[in-house]
Amino acid sequence: MDRVWQVVQRLMQHYRERWRPSETDPFKALVHTILSQNTNFKNEMEAFRNLDKNLGINPETLSKASVEEIAKHIRVAGLHRQKSVKIKKVAQYIVEKYDGDLWKVLKLPLEQARRELMSMPGVGPKTADVVLLFNARKHVIPIDRHIFRISRRLGFVSQNAGYEEVRAVLEKNIPERYYEDAHVLLIQFGRDYCRARKPKCDECFLSDLCPKIGV
């Protein structure tokens, strides 16, 4: 599907400056992604900084901290009780199975590493794929809510397509060297133009490539 690659090329032309996750510690990246669920970037970052400043973000420390203590510091991110349970459980899992070293997982072949990450408490496909792409430099495209929405509106996939179907279509049609760009820029485009509510179709620089399905 040439249109997938056309869209990504257009995004790269439009967005000259590109945001990149700066976190090199895979466990911190894992916590970041858990905190990002159902909240905005500002609240996610504030919760992360609070947790790092007051407790420290590493498997050993968080495996020993109480759920209540973790929750207190991440309240701003919303769903703080559920997220604190996930963070504590995944920290305990990594300490018990990998001596606190998540790199032991990331050094495995892609599919094996992905299965192992997704077997951890609170880690779904998106969280696993974010860590694999940006920390382990594996060839995978994480699919978040913006990418789901854009892929459906642009007709890359059907309206009822699931995570793995969207991922497969994007990975098949985008060169591997551009997976990071594609992930980051599709999210930015979803925030700026292709919003869930009141998308800016009249201002959109992709309007000639978009059938506007479901809009």
N, C-alpha and C. Protein backbone atom coordinates (compact mmCIF):
# COMPACT_ATOMS: atom_id res chain seq x y z
N MET A 1 0.86 -1.19 0.00
CA MET A 1 0.00 0.00 0.00
C MET A 1 0.90 1.25 0.00
N ASP A 2 1.14 1.78 -1.21
CA ASP A 2 2.05 2.91 -1.34
C ASP A 2 1.60 4.12 -0.53
N ARG A 3 0.30 4.25 -0.30
CA ARG A 3 -0.22 5.44 0.37
C ARG A 3 0.28 5.55 1.80
N VAL A 4 0.52 4.42 2.46
CA VAL A 4 1.07 4.45 3.82
C VAL A 4 2.41 5.17 3.81
N TRP A 5 3.28 4.77 2.91
CA TRP A 5 4.61 5.37 2.83
C TRP A 5 4.52 6.82 2.35
N GLN A 6 3.58 7.11 1.45
CA GLN A 6 3.37 8.50 1.02
C GLN A 6 3.02 9.39 2.20
N VAL A 7 2.15 8.90 3.05
CA VAL A 7 1.73 9.67 4.23
C VAL A 7 2.93 9.93 5.14
N VAL A 8 3.72 8.91 5.41
CA VAL A 8 4.88 9.08 6.29
C VAL A 8 5.89 10.06 5.68
N GLN A 9 6.11 9.97 4.39
CA GLN A 9 7.02 10.91 3.73
C GLN A 9 6.51 12.34 3.84
N ARG A 10 5.21 12.51 3.68
CA ARG A 10 4.61 13.84 3.81
C ARG A 10 4.77 14.37 5.24
N LEU A 11 4.60 13.49 6.21
CA LEU A 11 4.78 13.89 7.61
C LEU A 11 6.22 14.32 7.87
N MET A 12 7.18 13.60 7.30
CA MET A 12 8.58 13.95 7.51
C MET A 12 8.93 15.28 6.87
N GLN A 13 8.27 15.60 5.77
CA GLN A 13 8.49 16.90 5.13
C GLN A 13 7.88 18.03 5.95
N HIS A 14 6.72 17.76 6.54
CA HIS A 14 6.00 18.80 7.29
C HIS A 14 6.65 19.07 8.65
N TYR A 15 7.00 18.00 9.36
CA TYR A 15 7.57 18.14 10.70
C TYR A 15 9.09 18.01 10.61
N ARG A 16 9.75 19.14 10.48
CA ARG A 16 11.21 19.13 10.34
C ARG A 16 11.90 18.79 11.66
N GLU A 17 11.33 19.28 12.75
CA GLU A 17 11.88 18.98 14.07
C GLU A 17 11.06 17.87 14.69
N ARG A 18 11.74 16.82 15.14
CA ARG A 18 11.03 15.64 15.62
C ARG A 18 11.40 15.32 17.06
N TRP A 19 10.37 15.14 17.85
CA TRP A 19 10.56 14.73 19.25
C TRP A 19 11.02 13.28 19.29
N ARG A 20 11.92 12.99 20.22
CA ARG A 20 12.36 11.62 20.44
C ARG A 20 12.34 11.34 21.94
N PRO A 21 11.89 10.16 22.35
CA PRO A 21 12.02 9.80 23.77
C PRO A 21 13.49 9.84 24.16
N SER A 22 13.79 10.49 25.26
CA SER A 22 15.19 10.66 25.66
C SER A 22 15.63 9.66 26.73
N GLU A 23 14.69 8.85 27.22
CA GLU A 23 15.00 7.93 28.31
C GLU A 23 15.73 6.69 27.78
N THR A 24 16.97 6.50 28.26
CA THR A 24 17.76 5.34 27.81
C THR A 24 17.62 4.14 28.72
N ASP A 25 17.18 4.34 29.96
CA ASP A 25 16.97 3.24 30.90
C ASP A 25 15.66 2.54 30.55
N PRO A 26 15.69 1.26 30.16
CA PRO A 26 14.46 0.60 29.72
C PRO A 26 13.40 0.47 30.80
N PHE A 27 13.82 0.34 32.08
CA PHE A 27 12.81 0.25 33.13
C PHE A 27 12.10 1.59 33.30
N LYS A 28 12.85 2.68 33.23
CA LYS A 28 12.22 4.00 33.30
C LYS A 28 11.28 4.22 32.12
N ALA A 29 11.69 3.74 30.95
CA ALA A 29 10.82 3.84 29.77
C ALA A 29 9.53 3.05 29.98
N LEU A 30 9.65 1.90 30.62
CA LEU A 30 8.48 1.07 30.92
C LEU A 30 7.53 1.81 31.85
N VAL A 31 8.08 2.43 32.89
CA VAL A 31 7.27 3.19 33.84
C VAL A 31 6.61 4.39 33.14
N HIS A 32 7.38 5.07 32.30
CA HIS A 32 6.84 6.19 31.51
C HIS A 32 5.59 5.76 30.75
N THR A 33 5.69 4.61 30.10
CA THR A 33 4.60 4.16 29.24
C THR A 33 3.37 3.77 30.06
N ILE A 34 3.59 3.16 31.22
CA ILE A 34 2.47 2.85 32.12
C ILE A 34 1.79 4.14 32.59
N LEU A 35 2.59 5.13 32.95
CA LEU A 35 2.04 6.40 33.41
C LEU A 35 1.28 7.13 32.30
N SER A 36 1.68 6.91 31.05
CA SER A 36 1.07 7.64 29.92
C SER A 36 -0.34 7.19 29.59
N GLN A 37 -0.75 6.06 30.13
CA GLN A 37 -2.06 5.50 29.78
C GLN A 37 -3.20 6.40 30.27
N ASN A 38 -4.08 6.79 29.35
CA ASN A 38 -5.27 7.60 29.66
C ASN A 38 -4.95 8.92 30.34
N THR A 39 -3.86 9.56 29.91
CA THR A 39 -3.56 10.89 30.42
C THR A 39 -2.81 11.65 29.34
N ASN A 40 -2.54 12.94 29.58
CA ASN A 40 -1.79 13.71 28.60
C ASN A 40 -0.30 13.73 28.96
N PHE A 41 0.50 14.23 28.02
CA PHE A 41 1.95 14.20 28.18
C PHE A 41 2.41 15.01 29.38
N LYS A 42 1.79 16.17 29.61
CA LYS A 42 2.17 17.03 30.74
C LYS A 42 1.99 16.30 32.07
N ASN A 43 0.85 15.67 32.27
CA ASN A 43 0.59 14.97 33.53
C ASN A 43 1.47 13.73 33.68
N GLU A 44 1.71 13.05 32.56
CA GLU A 44 2.62 11.90 32.60
C GLU A 44 4.00 12.32 33.08
N MET A 45 4.53 13.41 32.53
CA MET A 45 5.87 13.87 32.89
C MET A 45 5.93 14.33 34.34
N GLU A 46 4.89 15.01 34.80
CA GLU A 46 4.87 15.46 36.20
C GLU A 46 4.86 14.27 37.15
N ALA A 47 4.06 13.27 36.84
CA ALA A 47 4.01 12.06 37.67
C ALA A 47 5.36 11.35 37.68
N PHE A 48 5.98 11.25 36.53
CA PHE A 48 7.28 10.59 36.43
C PHE A 48 8.32 11.32 37.28
N ARG A 49 8.37 12.64 37.16
CA ARG A 49 9.34 13.42 37.94
C ARG A 49 9.07 13.30 39.44
N ASN A 50 7.81 13.34 39.84
CA ASN A 50 7.47 13.17 41.26
C ASN A 50 7.96 11.84 41.79
N LEU A 51 7.71 10.79 41.02
CA LEU A 51 8.10 9.45 41.45
C LEU A 51 9.61 9.31 41.51
N ASP A 52 10.29 9.84 40.52
CA ASP A 52 11.74 9.73 40.47
C ASP A 52 12.40 10.52 41.60
N LYS A 53 11.85 11.70 41.87
CA LYS A 53 12.42 12.56 42.92
C LYS A 53 12.19 12.00 44.31
N ASN A 54 11.01 11.46 44.56
CA ASN A 54 10.64 11.05 45.91
C ASN A 54 10.98 9.61 46.25
N LEU A 55 10.99 8.73 45.26
CA LEU A 55 11.30 7.33 45.53
C LEU A 55 12.50 6.82 44.74
N GLY A 56 12.63 7.30 43.52
CA GLY A 56 13.64 6.75 42.61
C GLY A 56 13.00 5.68 41.75
N ILE A 57 13.31 5.71 40.46
CA ILE A 57 12.68 4.75 39.55
C ILE A 57 13.68 3.69 39.14
N ASN A 58 13.66 2.60 39.89
CA ASN A 58 14.45 1.41 39.55
C ASN A 58 13.71 0.21 40.12
N PRO A 59 13.93 -0.97 39.57
CA PRO A 59 13.15 -2.14 39.99
C PRO A 59 13.27 -2.46 41.48
N GLU A 60 14.48 -2.36 42.02
CA GLU A 60 14.69 -2.72 43.43
C GLU A 60 13.88 -1.83 44.36
N THR A 61 13.96 -0.52 44.15
CA THR A 61 13.26 0.43 45.02
C THR A 61 11.74 0.27 44.92
N LEU A 62 11.24 0.21 43.71
CA LEU A 62 9.79 0.17 43.53
C LEU A 62 9.19 -1.18 43.87
N SER A 63 9.99 -2.23 43.83
CA SER A 63 9.47 -3.55 44.23
C SER A 63 9.23 -3.60 45.74
N LYS A 64 9.96 -2.77 46.49
CA LYS A 64 9.84 -2.75 47.95
C LYS A 64 8.88 -1.68 48.44
N ALA A 65 8.61 -0.68 47.61
CA ALA A 65 7.70 0.40 48.02
C ALA A 65 6.26 -0.11 48.08
N SER A 66 5.46 0.50 48.94
CA SER A 66 4.05 0.10 49.01
C SER A 66 3.28 0.70 47.84
N VAL A 67 2.17 0.07 47.50
CA VAL A 67 1.31 0.57 46.44
C VAL A 67 0.84 1.98 46.79
N GLU A 68 0.51 2.20 48.05
CA GLU A 68 0.02 3.52 48.50
C GLU A 68 1.09 4.59 48.32
N GLU A 69 2.34 4.23 48.60
CA GLU A 69 3.43 5.19 48.49
C GLU A 69 3.66 5.57 47.03
N ILE A 70 3.64 4.58 46.15
CA ILE A 70 3.80 4.86 44.72
C ILE A 70 2.63 5.71 44.22
N ALA A 71 1.42 5.33 44.61
CA ALA A 71 0.22 6.02 44.14
C ALA A 71 0.22 7.50 44.54
N LYS A 72 0.72 7.79 45.72
CA LYS A 72 0.75 9.16 46.23
C LYS A 72 1.54 10.08 45.29
N HIS A 73 2.60 9.55 44.72
CA HIS A 73 3.48 10.38 43.90
C HIS A 73 3.07 10.45 42.43
N ILE A 74 2.14 9.60 42.00
CA ILE A 74 1.75 9.62 40.59
C ILE A 74 0.28 10.03 40.41
N ARG A 75 -0.31 10.58 41.45
CA ARG A 75 -1.74 10.93 41.44
C ARG A 75 -2.12 11.79 40.23
N VAL A 76 -1.24 12.72 39.85
CA VAL A 76 -1.56 13.66 38.78
C VAL A 76 -1.81 12.96 37.44
N ALA A 77 -1.28 11.76 37.27
CA ALA A 77 -1.44 11.03 36.01
C ALA A 77 -2.80 10.35 35.88
N GLY A 78 -3.59 10.36 36.96
CA GLY A 78 -4.89 9.69 36.92
C GLY A 78 -4.74 8.19 37.04
N LEU A 79 -5.82 7.53 37.44
CA LEU A 79 -5.82 6.07 37.65
C LEU A 79 -4.60 5.65 38.48
N HIS A 80 -4.28 6.48 39.48
CA HIS A 80 -3.02 6.28 40.19
C HIS A 80 -2.97 4.97 40.97
N ARG A 81 -4.11 4.52 41.46
CA ARG A 81 -4.14 3.25 42.19
C ARG A 81 -3.80 2.09 41.25
N GLN A 82 -4.48 2.03 40.11
CA GLN A 82 -4.24 0.94 39.16
C GLN A 82 -2.80 0.98 38.63
N LYS A 83 -2.33 2.17 38.31
CA LYS A 83 -0.98 2.29 37.76
C LYS A 83 0.09 1.94 38.79
N SER A 84 -0.15 2.29 40.04
CA SER A 84 0.83 1.96 41.09
C SER A 84 0.93 0.45 41.29
N VAL A 85 -0.21 -0.24 41.18
CA VAL A 85 -0.20 -1.71 41.28
C VAL A 85 0.62 -2.31 40.14
N LYS A 86 0.39 -1.81 38.92
CA LYS A 86 1.14 -2.30 37.76
C LYS A 86 2.64 -2.07 37.93
N ILE A 87 3.00 -0.87 38.36
CA ILE A 87 4.42 -0.52 38.51
C ILE A 87 5.09 -1.41 39.55
N LYS A 88 4.45 -1.60 40.69
CA LYS A 88 5.03 -2.44 41.73
C LYS A 88 5.17 -3.89 41.26
N LYS A 89 4.13 -4.41 40.63
CA LYS A 89 4.16 -5.81 40.20
C LYS A 89 5.23 -6.06 39.13
N VAL A 90 5.35 -5.13 38.18
CA VAL A 90 6.35 -5.34 37.13
C VAL A 90 7.76 -5.19 37.70
N ALA A 91 7.93 -4.30 38.67
CA ALA A 91 9.24 -4.16 39.33
C ALA A 91 9.60 -5.45 40.07
N GLN A 92 8.65 -6.01 40.79
CA GLN A 92 8.89 -7.27 41.50
C GLN A 92 9.25 -8.39 40.53
N TYR A 93 8.54 -8.46 39.42
CA TYR A 93 8.77 -9.50 38.42
C TYR A 93 10.20 -9.41 37.87
N ILE A 94 10.63 -8.20 37.54
CA ILE A 94 11.96 -8.00 36.96
C ILE A 94 13.05 -8.32 37.98
N VAL A 95 12.83 -7.97 39.24
CA VAL A 95 13.80 -8.30 40.29
C VAL A 95 13.89 -9.80 40.49
N GLU A 96 12.73 -10.45 40.58
CA GLU A 96 12.71 -11.89 40.87
C GLU A 96 13.22 -12.74 39.71
N LYS A 97 12.87 -12.37 38.49
CA LYS A 97 13.23 -13.21 37.34
C LYS A 97 14.53 -12.80 36.66
N TYR A 98 14.85 -11.51 36.70
CA TYR A 98 16.02 -11.02 35.96
C TYR A 98 17.00 -10.24 36.83
N ASP A 99 16.92 -10.42 38.15
CA ASP A 99 17.83 -9.72 39.07
C ASP A 99 17.81 -8.21 38.85
N GLY A 100 16.66 -7.69 38.45
CA GLY A 100 16.52 -6.24 38.29
C GLY A 100 17.08 -5.69 36.99
N ASP A 101 17.52 -6.57 36.08
CA ASP A 101 18.17 -6.12 34.85
C ASP A 101 17.28 -6.40 33.63
N LEU A 102 16.58 -5.39 33.17
CA LEU A 102 15.67 -5.55 32.03
C LEU A 102 16.41 -5.76 30.72
N TRP A 103 17.68 -5.38 30.68
CA TRP A 103 18.46 -5.59 29.46
C TRP A 103 18.59 -7.07 29.12
N LYS A 104 18.48 -7.93 30.10
CA LYS A 104 18.54 -9.37 29.83
C LYS A 104 17.40 -9.80 28.91
N VAL A 105 16.29 -9.11 29.01
CA VAL A 105 15.15 -9.39 28.13
C VAL A 105 15.37 -8.75 26.76
N LEU A 106 15.82 -7.51 26.76
CA LEU A 106 15.93 -6.76 25.51
C LEU A 106 17.00 -7.30 24.57
N LYS A 107 17.94 -8.06 25.11
CA LYS A 107 18.99 -8.66 24.27
C LYS A 107 18.51 -9.92 23.55
N LEU A 108 17.34 -10.41 23.91
CA LEU A 108 16.79 -11.59 23.25
C LEU A 108 16.33 -11.23 21.84
N PRO A 109 16.16 -12.22 20.95
CA PRO A 109 15.59 -11.95 19.63
C PRO A 109 14.22 -11.27 19.76
N LEU A 110 13.85 -10.49 18.76
CA LEU A 110 12.66 -9.64 18.83
C LEU A 110 11.42 -10.35 19.35
N GLU A 111 10.99 -11.42 18.69
CA GLU A 111 9.73 -12.06 19.08
C GLU A 111 9.80 -12.66 20.47
N GLN A 112 10.96 -13.19 20.84
CA GLN A 112 11.13 -13.75 22.18
C GLN A 112 11.09 -12.65 23.23
N ALA A 113 11.78 -11.54 22.95
CA ALA A 113 11.78 -10.40 23.87
C ALA A 113 10.37 -9.83 24.02
N ARG A 114 9.66 -9.76 22.91
CA ARG A 114 8.30 -9.21 22.93
C ARG A 114 7.37 -10.09 23.76
N ARG A 115 7.47 -11.40 23.57
CA ARG A 115 6.63 -12.32 24.36
C ARG A 115 6.94 -12.21 25.85
N GLU A 116 8.21 -12.10 26.17
CA GLU A 116 8.60 -12.02 27.58
C GLU A 116 8.12 -10.71 28.20
N LEU A 117 8.28 -9.61 27.50
CA LEU A 117 7.79 -8.33 28.02
C LEU A 117 6.28 -8.37 28.24
N MET A 118 5.55 -8.95 27.29
CA MET A 118 4.09 -8.98 27.40
C MET A 118 3.60 -9.98 28.44
N SER A 119 4.48 -10.83 28.93
CA SER A 119 4.10 -11.74 30.01
C SER A 119 4.23 -11.06 31.38
N MET A 120 4.84 -9.88 31.40
CA MET A 120 5.04 -9.16 32.66
C MET A 120 3.74 -8.49 33.09
N PRO A 121 3.51 -8.35 34.38
CA PRO A 121 2.29 -7.71 34.88
C PRO A 121 2.15 -6.28 34.35
N GLY A 122 0.99 -5.97 33.81
CA GLY A 122 0.71 -4.61 33.37
C GLY A 122 1.34 -4.18 32.06
N VAL A 123 2.00 -5.10 31.37
CA VAL A 123 2.67 -4.75 30.12
C VAL A 123 1.90 -5.35 28.94
N GLY A 124 1.29 -4.48 28.14
CA GLY A 124 0.59 -4.91 26.94
C GLY A 124 1.46 -4.70 25.72
N PRO A 125 0.90 -4.91 24.53
CA PRO A 125 1.70 -4.81 23.32
C PRO A 125 2.30 -3.43 23.07
N LYS A 126 1.53 -2.36 23.35
CA LYS A 126 2.07 -1.03 23.09
C LYS A 126 3.26 -0.73 23.99
N THR A 127 3.13 -1.02 25.28
CA THR A 127 4.22 -0.78 26.22
C THR A 127 5.45 -1.58 25.82
N ALA A 128 5.25 -2.85 25.50
CA ALA A 128 6.37 -3.70 25.08
C ALA A 128 7.04 -3.13 23.84
N ASP A 129 6.24 -2.73 22.86
CA ASP A 129 6.80 -2.26 21.60
C ASP A 129 7.53 -0.93 21.72
N VAL A 130 7.06 -0.05 22.60
CA VAL A 130 7.76 1.22 22.83
C VAL A 130 9.16 0.95 23.36
N VAL A 131 9.28 0.08 24.34
CA VAL A 131 10.59 -0.25 24.91
C VAL A 131 11.47 -0.94 23.87
N LEU A 132 10.88 -1.83 23.09
CA LEU A 132 11.65 -2.55 22.06
C LEU A 132 12.16 -1.60 20.98
N LEU A 133 11.34 -0.65 20.56
CA LEU A 133 11.75 0.27 19.50
C LEU A 133 12.79 1.28 19.98
N PHE A 134 12.50 1.96 21.08
CA PHE A 134 13.34 3.09 21.47
C PHE A 134 14.50 2.72 22.38
N ASN A 135 14.41 1.62 23.09
CA ASN A 135 15.51 1.21 23.96
C ASN A 135 16.35 0.10 23.36
N ALA A 136 15.68 -0.91 22.82
CA ALA A 136 16.41 -2.05 22.25
C ALA A 136 16.71 -1.87 20.77
N ARG A 137 16.13 -0.82 20.15
CA ARG A 137 16.32 -0.57 18.72
C ARG A 137 15.89 -1.76 17.86
N LYS A 138 14.81 -2.40 18.27
CA LYS A 138 14.24 -3.50 17.50
C LYS A 138 13.29 -2.93 16.44
N HIS A 139 13.07 -3.69 15.39
CA HIS A 139 12.23 -3.23 14.27
C HIS A 139 10.76 -3.54 14.53
N VAL A 140 10.11 -2.61 15.19
CA VAL A 140 8.70 -2.76 15.54
C VAL A 140 8.08 -1.36 15.64
N ILE A 141 6.80 -1.24 15.28
CA ILE A 141 6.10 0.05 15.38
C ILE A 141 5.02 -0.04 16.45
N PRO A 142 5.17 0.67 17.56
CA PRO A 142 4.11 0.67 18.59
C PRO A 142 2.87 1.41 18.06
N ILE A 143 1.71 0.90 18.44
CA ILE A 143 0.45 1.49 17.97
C ILE A 143 -0.30 2.08 19.16
N ASP A 144 -0.44 3.40 19.16
CA ASP A 144 -1.21 4.04 20.24
C ASP A 144 -2.56 4.50 19.68
N ARG A 145 -3.34 5.19 20.52
CA ARG A 145 -4.70 5.55 20.12
C ARG A 145 -4.72 6.49 18.91
N HIS A 146 -3.73 7.38 18.82
CA HIS A 146 -3.67 8.29 17.67
C HIS A 146 -3.41 7.51 16.38
N ILE A 147 -2.49 6.56 16.43
CA ILE A 147 -2.14 5.78 15.24
C ILE A 147 -3.30 4.89 14.82
N PHE A 148 -4.01 4.33 15.80
CA PHE A 148 -5.23 3.58 15.49
C PHE A 148 -6.21 4.45 14.70
N ARG A 149 -6.49 5.63 15.23
CA ARG A 149 -7.48 6.53 14.64
C ARG A 149 -7.07 6.95 13.23
N ILE A 150 -5.82 7.34 13.06
CA ILE A 150 -5.33 7.78 11.75
C ILE A 150 -5.38 6.65 10.74
N SER A 151 -4.96 5.47 11.14
CA SER A 151 -4.92 4.32 10.23
C SER A 151 -6.32 3.97 9.73
N ARG A 152 -7.31 4.12 10.60
CA ARG A 152 -8.69 3.83 10.20
C ARG A 152 -9.26 4.93 9.31
N ARG A 153 -9.03 6.18 9.68
CA ARG A 153 -9.56 7.29 8.88
C ARG A 153 -8.96 7.34 7.48
N LEU A 154 -7.68 7.00 7.39
CA LEU A 154 -7.00 7.02 6.10
C LEU A 154 -7.25 5.76 5.29
N GLY A 155 -7.94 4.79 5.90
CA GLY A 155 -8.28 3.58 5.18
C GLY A 155 -7.15 2.58 5.04
N PHE A 156 -6.13 2.70 5.90
CA PHE A 156 -5.05 1.72 5.88
C PHE A 156 -5.56 0.35 6.33
N VAL A 157 -6.51 0.39 7.27
CA VAL A 157 -7.08 -0.84 7.83
C VAL A 157 -8.59 -0.66 7.96
N SER A 158 -9.29 -1.74 8.25
CA SER A 158 -10.73 -1.67 8.46
C SER A 158 -11.04 -1.00 9.80
N GLN A 159 -12.27 -0.60 9.99
CA GLN A 159 -12.67 0.10 11.21
C GLN A 159 -12.58 -0.78 12.45
N ASN A 160 -12.63 -2.08 12.28
CA ASN A 160 -12.55 -2.98 13.44
C ASN A 160 -11.20 -3.67 13.56
N ALA A 161 -10.20 -3.16 12.86
CA ALA A 161 -8.86 -3.76 12.92
C ALA A 161 -8.28 -3.66 14.32
N GLY A 162 -7.61 -4.70 14.76
CA GLY A 162 -6.98 -4.72 16.07
C GLY A 162 -5.53 -4.29 16.02
N TYR A 163 -4.89 -4.35 17.17
CA TYR A 163 -3.51 -3.87 17.31
C TYR A 163 -2.57 -4.53 16.32
N GLU A 164 -2.58 -5.86 16.29
CA GLU A 164 -1.60 -6.58 15.47
C GLU A 164 -1.82 -6.34 13.98
N GLU A 165 -3.07 -6.16 13.57
CA GLU A 165 -3.34 -5.90 12.15
C GLU A 165 -2.80 -4.53 11.74
N VAL A 166 -3.04 -3.52 12.58
CA VAL A 166 -2.52 -2.18 12.27
C VAL A 166 -1.00 -2.20 12.23
N ARG A 167 -0.40 -2.83 13.21
CA ARG A 167 1.07 -2.92 13.26
C ARG A 167 1.62 -3.60 12.01
N ALA A 168 1.00 -4.70 11.61
CA ALA A 168 1.48 -5.46 10.45
C ALA A 168 1.42 -4.63 9.17
N VAL A 169 0.33 -3.89 8.99
CA VAL A 169 0.18 -3.06 7.78
C VAL A 169 1.23 -1.96 7.74
N LEU A 170 1.44 -1.29 8.85
CA LEU A 170 2.43 -0.21 8.88
C LEU A 170 3.84 -0.74 8.69
N GLU A 171 4.17 -1.83 9.37
CA GLU A 171 5.53 -2.37 9.27
C GLU A 171 5.82 -2.91 7.87
N LYS A 172 4.81 -3.41 7.20
CA LYS A 172 4.99 -3.94 5.84
C LYS A 172 5.26 -2.83 4.83
N ASN A 173 4.69 -1.65 5.07
CA ASN A 173 4.72 -0.59 4.07
C ASN A 173 5.66 0.57 4.38
N ILE A 174 6.33 0.52 5.53
CA ILE A 174 7.28 1.56 5.91
C ILE A 174 8.67 0.93 6.04
N PRO A 175 9.69 1.50 5.42
CA PRO A 175 11.04 0.95 5.58
C PRO A 175 11.47 0.95 7.05
N GLU A 176 12.18 -0.09 7.47
CA GLU A 176 12.53 -0.26 8.88
C GLU A 176 13.28 0.94 9.45
N ARG A 177 14.11 1.57 8.66
CA ARG A 177 14.92 2.68 9.17
C ARG A 177 14.06 3.88 9.58
N TYR A 178 12.79 3.89 9.15
CA TYR A 178 11.90 5.01 9.46
C TYR A 178 10.82 4.65 10.48
N TYR A 179 10.96 3.52 11.15
CA TYR A 179 9.94 3.13 12.13
C TYR A 179 9.81 4.15 13.26
N GLU A 180 10.93 4.65 13.77
CA GLU A 180 10.86 5.64 14.85
C GLU A 180 10.17 6.91 14.36
N ASP A 181 10.59 7.40 13.20
CA ASP A 181 9.96 8.60 12.64
C ASP A 181 8.46 8.40 12.46
N ALA A 182 8.08 7.26 11.89
CA ALA A 182 6.66 7.00 11.64
C ALA A 182 5.86 7.03 12.93
N HIS A 183 6.35 6.36 13.96
CA HIS A 183 5.64 6.32 15.24
C HIS A 183 5.47 7.72 15.83
N VAL A 184 6.57 8.44 15.93
CA VAL A 184 6.56 9.76 16.56
C VAL A 184 5.69 10.75 15.76
N LEU A 185 5.83 10.74 14.44
CA LEU A 185 5.14 11.73 13.63
C LEU A 185 3.65 11.45 13.48
N LEU A 186 3.27 10.19 13.44
CA LEU A 186 1.84 9.87 13.40
C LEU A 186 1.15 10.34 14.68
N ILE A 187 1.82 10.18 15.81
CA ILE A 187 1.26 10.66 17.08
C ILE A 187 1.14 12.19 17.06
N GLN A 188 2.20 12.87 16.60
CA GLN A 188 2.16 14.33 16.54
C GLN A 188 1.04 14.82 15.62
N PHE A 189 0.89 14.15 14.48
CA PHE A 189 -0.17 14.50 13.53
C PHE A 189 -1.55 14.28 14.15
N GLY A 190 -1.69 13.22 14.93
CA GLY A 190 -2.96 12.95 15.60
C GLY A 190 -3.30 14.01 16.63
N ARG A 191 -2.29 14.54 17.28
CA ARG A 191 -2.52 15.60 18.27
C ARG A 191 -2.83 16.94 17.60
N ASP A 192 -2.14 17.22 16.50
CA ASP A 192 -2.25 18.53 15.86
C ASP A 192 -3.44 18.66 14.91
N TYR A 193 -3.70 17.61 14.16
CA TYR A 193 -4.70 17.69 13.09
C TYR A 193 -5.80 16.62 13.20
N CYS A 194 -5.39 15.36 13.20
CA CYS A 194 -6.36 14.26 13.11
C CYS A 194 -6.87 13.88 14.50
N ARG A 195 -7.51 14.84 15.14
CA ARG A 195 -7.97 14.65 16.52
C ARG A 195 -9.21 13.77 16.57
N ALA A 196 -9.42 13.18 17.74
CA ALA A 196 -10.61 12.34 17.91
C ALA A 196 -11.87 13.16 17.75
N ARG A 197 -11.88 14.35 18.33
CA ARG A 197 -13.01 15.26 18.21
C ARG A 197 -12.57 16.51 17.45
N LYS A 198 -13.41 16.95 16.55
CA LYS A 198 -13.16 18.15 15.75
C LYS A 198 -11.80 18.10 15.05
N PRO A 199 -11.59 17.09 14.20
CA PRO A 199 -10.33 17.04 13.44
C PRO A 199 -10.24 18.24 12.50
N LYS A 200 -9.03 18.71 12.26
CA LYS A 200 -8.82 19.90 11.42
C LYS A 200 -8.67 19.52 9.95
N CYS A 201 -9.69 18.91 9.40
CA CYS A 201 -9.63 18.42 8.01
C CYS A 201 -9.40 19.56 7.02
N ASP A 202 -10.01 20.73 7.27
CA ASP A 202 -9.90 21.86 6.34
C ASP A 202 -8.47 22.41 6.27
N GLU A 203 -7.70 22.21 7.35
CA GLU A 203 -6.33 22.72 7.39
C GLU A 203 -5.29 21.63 7.11
N CYS A 204 -5.74 20.42 6.89
CA CYS A 204 -4.83 19.27 6.87
C CYS A 204 -4.02 19.17 5.58
N PHE A 205 -2.73 18.97 5.72
CA PHE A 205 -1.83 18.85 4.57
C PHE A 205 -1.84 17.43 3.97
N LEU A 206 -2.66 16.55 4.55
CA LEU A 206 -2.81 15.20 4.00
C LEU A 206 -4.19 14.99 3.37
N SER A 207 -4.95 16.07 3.21
CA SER A 207 -6.35 15.93 2.77
C SER A 207 -6.47 15.24 1.41
N ASP A 208 -5.49 15.43 0.53
CA ASP A 208 -5.56 14.80 -0.79
C ASP A 208 -5.30 13.29 -0.74
N LEU A 209 -4.77 12.81 0.38
CA LEU A 209 -4.49 11.38 0.54
C LEU A 209 -5.50 10.69 1.45
N CYS A 210 -6.46 11.47 1.97
CA CYS A 210 -7.34 10.94 3.02
C CYS A 210 -8.79 10.81 2.56
N PRO A 211 -9.35 9.61 2.65
CA PRO A 211 -10.78 9.41 2.32
C PRO A 211 -11.72 9.83 3.45
N LYS A 212 -11.14 10.24 4.59
CA LYS A 212 -11.92 10.74 5.74
C LYS A 212 -12.96 9.72 6.21
N ILE A 213 -12.55 8.50 6.33
CA ILE A 213 -13.47 7.44 6.75
C ILE A 213 -13.89 7.64 8.21
N GLY A 214 -15.18 7.69 8.44
CA GLY A 214 -15.70 7.81 9.80
C GLY A 214 -15.70 9.21 10.36
N VAL A 215 -15.29 10.20 9.57
CA VAL A 215 -15.24 11.59 10.07
C VAL A 215 -16.60 12.25 9.85
